[in-house]
Structures are given as structure tokens and as C-alpha cells.
Amino acid sequence: TFEVEVITRPIAFFAISTFPTKREYKTGEPLDLTGGKFVVGYPEGNYEIFDLTADMISGYNMNKSGIQILTVTYKGYKIIYTWYKTLKIG
């Protein structure tokens, strides 16, 4: 037998790199994250780009217009940003 130590790779930064394509919503429409991506940077200078997924986002209210505070969470790291939800009439 032998011991294995799993080391979590430290993150230097975590940021939204591309916001989702859909920017206008009617009241009651769910958040569409298509095209949304985030970047994770590591201390050694490497980085990875991932798609945003619904399970990472909290704070979206499909019945509220105007400013919303959304939180994106990835491996315990969080980005909190203000998003202005434009309502499409008609």
C-alpha cells in the first residue's frame, strides 16, 4: 500500500471572459448562458476557458427587470457582478 496526496491546483484569477449572447429578455424568460465563458488563470501563467453553466449562477430573477446582482461560483471561488437586464417588450 501507499499514500496518495491530492493537491488542489491554486487559482490566480477567475473572470468572465465572454458574456452570454442573449442580452434582452421578456419577463419570465430564463437566463440563457449560450456563448458565456469564463477564464481560470493559474500562478504559473497557464489558463483555461470554460463555458458558463446554470449551476454556477445565482441571483438571477426572471421576473425582475433592471439591475440584478449575479454570482458566478467555480470551485469555491466567486465573482459577483452587476448585470442590467434589458426587458424586451412585445
C-alpha atoms as a PDB file:
ATOM      1  CA  THR A   1       0.000   0.000   0.000  1.00  0.00           C
ATOM      2  CA  PHE A   2       0.966   3.635  -0.419  1.00  0.00           C
ATOM      3  CA  GLU A   3      -0.405   7.067   0.342  1.00  0.00           C
ATOM      4  CA  VAL A   4      -1.558   9.494  -2.308  1.00  0.00           C
ATOM      5  CA  GLU A   5      -1.819  13.192  -1.564  1.00  0.00           C
ATOM      6  CA  VAL A   6      -4.180  15.103  -3.845  1.00  0.00           C
ATOM      7  CA  ILE A   7      -3.146  18.731  -4.159  1.00  0.00           C
ATOM      8  CA  THR A   8      -5.675  21.265  -5.365  1.00  0.00           C
ATOM      9  CA  ARG A   9      -4.254  23.422  -8.110  1.00  0.00           C
ATOM     10  CA  PRO A  10      -4.282  27.028  -6.872  1.00  0.00           C
ATOM     11  CA  ILE A  11      -6.120  29.627  -8.940  1.00  0.00           C
ATOM     12  CA  ALA A  12      -4.506  33.033  -9.548  1.00  0.00           C
ATOM     13  CA  PHE A  13      -7.610  34.593 -11.089  1.00  0.00           C
ATOM     14  CA  PHE A  14     -11.122  33.769 -12.236  1.00  0.00           C
ATOM     15  CA  ALA A  15     -13.100  36.123 -14.505  1.00  0.00           C
ATOM     16  CA  ILE A  16     -15.887  36.285 -17.068  1.00  0.00           C
ATOM     17  CA  SER A  17     -14.186  36.317 -20.470  1.00  0.00           C
ATOM     18  CA  THR A  18     -17.303  36.454 -22.684  1.00  0.00           C
ATOM     19  CA  PHE A  19     -20.796  37.367 -21.572  1.00  0.00           C
ATOM     20  CA  PRO A  20     -23.733  35.324 -22.872  1.00  0.00           C
ATOM     21  CA  THR A  21     -25.009  36.273 -26.322  1.00  0.00           C
ATOM     22  CA  LYS A  22     -28.613  36.903 -25.255  1.00  0.00           C
ATOM     23  CA  ARG A  23     -28.933  40.346 -23.672  1.00  0.00           C
ATOM     24  CA  GLU A  24     -32.667  41.123 -23.895  1.00  0.00           C
ATOM     25  CA  TYR A  25     -35.382  39.208 -22.083  1.00  0.00           C
ATOM     26  CA  LYS A  26     -39.135  39.250 -21.732  1.00  0.00           C
ATOM     27  CA  THR A  27     -40.476  38.968 -18.201  1.00  0.00           C
ATOM     28  CA  GLY A  28     -40.455  35.325 -17.163  1.00  0.00           C
ATOM     29  CA  GLU A  29     -37.719  34.178 -19.551  1.00  0.00           C
ATOM     30  CA  PRO A  30     -34.993  32.006 -18.035  1.00  0.00           C
ATOM     31  CA  LEU A  31     -31.371  33.059 -18.231  1.00  0.00           C
ATOM     32  CA  ASP A  32     -29.727  31.844 -21.441  1.00  0.00           C
ATOM     33  CA  LEU A  33     -25.989  31.348 -20.928  1.00  0.00           C
ATOM     34  CA  THR A  34     -25.215  30.377 -24.539  1.00  0.00           C
ATOM     35  CA  GLY A  35     -21.888  31.892 -25.552  1.00  0.00           C
ATOM     36  CA  GLY A  36     -20.931  32.780 -21.970  1.00  0.00           C
ATOM     37  CA  LYS A  37     -17.420  31.793 -20.935  1.00  0.00           C
ATOM     38  CA  PHE A  38     -15.066  32.315 -18.017  1.00  0.00           C
ATOM     39  CA  VAL A  39     -11.327  32.052 -17.714  1.00  0.00           C
ATOM     40  CA  VAL A  40      -9.335  30.497 -14.881  1.00  0.00           C
ATOM     41  CA  GLY A  41      -5.688  31.553 -14.574  1.00  0.00           C
ATOM     42  CA  TYR A  42      -3.005  29.692 -12.647  1.00  0.00           C
ATOM     43  CA  PRO A  43       0.103  31.048 -10.898  1.00  0.00           C
ATOM     44  CA  GLU A  44       2.478  29.549 -13.461  1.00  0.00           C
ATOM     45  CA  GLY A  45       0.809  31.615 -16.212  1.00  0.00           C
ATOM     46  CA  ASN A  46      -1.389  28.946 -17.805  1.00  0.00           C
ATOM     47  CA  TYR A  47      -5.122  29.423 -18.156  1.00  0.00           C
ATOM     48  CA  GLU A  48      -8.244  27.516 -19.173  1.00  0.00           C
ATOM     49  CA  ILE A  49     -11.520  28.763 -20.642  1.00  0.00           C
ATOM     50  CA  PHE A  50     -14.823  27.119 -19.700  1.00  0.00           C
ATOM     51  CA  ASP A  51     -18.492  27.560 -20.614  1.00  0.00           C
ATOM     52  CA  LEU A  52     -20.765  29.202 -18.055  1.00  0.00           C
ATOM     53  CA  THR A  53     -23.410  26.777 -16.777  1.00  0.00           C
ATOM     54  CA  ALA A  54     -26.678  27.358 -14.938  1.00  0.00           C
ATOM     55  CA  ASP A  55     -25.462  25.575 -11.791  1.00  0.00           C
ATOM     56  CA  MET A  56     -22.699  28.219 -11.414  1.00  0.00           C
ATOM     57  CA  ILE A  57     -25.045  31.218 -11.465  1.00  0.00           C
ATOM     58  CA  SER A  58     -27.139  32.506  -8.602  1.00  0.00           C
ATOM     59  CA  GLY A  59     -29.100  35.709  -8.115  1.00  0.00           C
ATOM     60  CA  TYR A  60     -30.975  35.786 -11.435  1.00  0.00           C
ATOM     61  CA  ASN A  61     -34.671  36.643 -11.114  1.00  0.00           C
ATOM     62  CA  MET A  62     -36.584  36.135 -14.347  1.00  0.00           C
ATOM     63  CA  ASN A  63     -39.474  38.271 -13.100  1.00  0.00           C
ATOM     64  CA  LYS A  64     -37.379  41.309 -12.181  1.00  0.00           C
ATOM     65  CA  SER A  65     -36.231  43.972 -14.622  1.00  0.00           C
ATOM     66  CA  GLY A  66     -33.375  46.411 -14.223  1.00  0.00           C
ATOM     67  CA  ILE A  67     -30.242  45.810 -12.200  1.00  0.00           C
ATOM     68  CA  GLN A  68     -29.525  42.355 -10.817  1.00  0.00           C
ATOM     69  CA  ILE A  69     -26.568  41.149  -8.773  1.00  0.00           C
ATOM     70  CA  LEU A  70     -25.366  37.791 -10.097  1.00  0.00           C
ATOM     71  CA  THR A  71     -22.812  35.479  -8.525  1.00  0.00           C
ATOM     72  CA  VAL A  72     -20.730  33.005 -10.516  1.00  0.00           C
ATOM     73  CA  THR A  73     -19.145  30.241  -8.437  1.00  0.00           C
ATOM     74  CA  TYR A  74     -16.362  27.883  -9.543  1.00  0.00           C
ATOM     75  CA  LYS A  75     -14.538  25.517  -7.164  1.00  0.00           C
ATOM     76  CA  GLY A  76     -15.266  27.755  -4.186  1.00  0.00           C
ATOM     77  CA  TYR A  77     -14.207  30.970  -5.950  1.00  0.00           C
ATOM     78  CA  LYS A  78     -16.842  33.611  -6.632  1.00  0.00           C
ATOM     79  CA  ILE A  79     -17.323  36.522  -8.995  1.00  0.00           C
ATOM     80  CA  ILE A  80     -20.068  38.959  -8.090  1.00  0.00           C
ATOM     81  CA  TYR A  81     -21.135  41.355 -10.794  1.00  0.00           C
ATOM     82  CA  THR A  82     -23.932  43.749 -11.557  1.00  0.00           C
ATOM     83  CA  TRP A  83     -25.936  42.991 -14.644  1.00  0.00           C
ATOM     84  CA  TYR A  84     -28.543  45.252 -16.170  1.00  0.00           C
ATOM     85  CA  LYS A  85     -31.362  43.119 -17.510  1.00  0.00           C
ATOM     86  CA  THR A  86     -32.954  44.762 -20.526  1.00  0.00           C
ATOM     87  CA  LEU A  87     -36.584  43.825 -20.971  1.00  0.00           C
ATOM     88  CA  LYS A  88     -37.802  43.216 -24.488  1.00  0.00           C
ATOM     89  CA  ILE A  89     -41.362  44.482 -24.904  1.00  0.00           C
ATOM     90  CA  GLY A  90     -43.733  42.590 -27.165  1.00  0.00           C
END
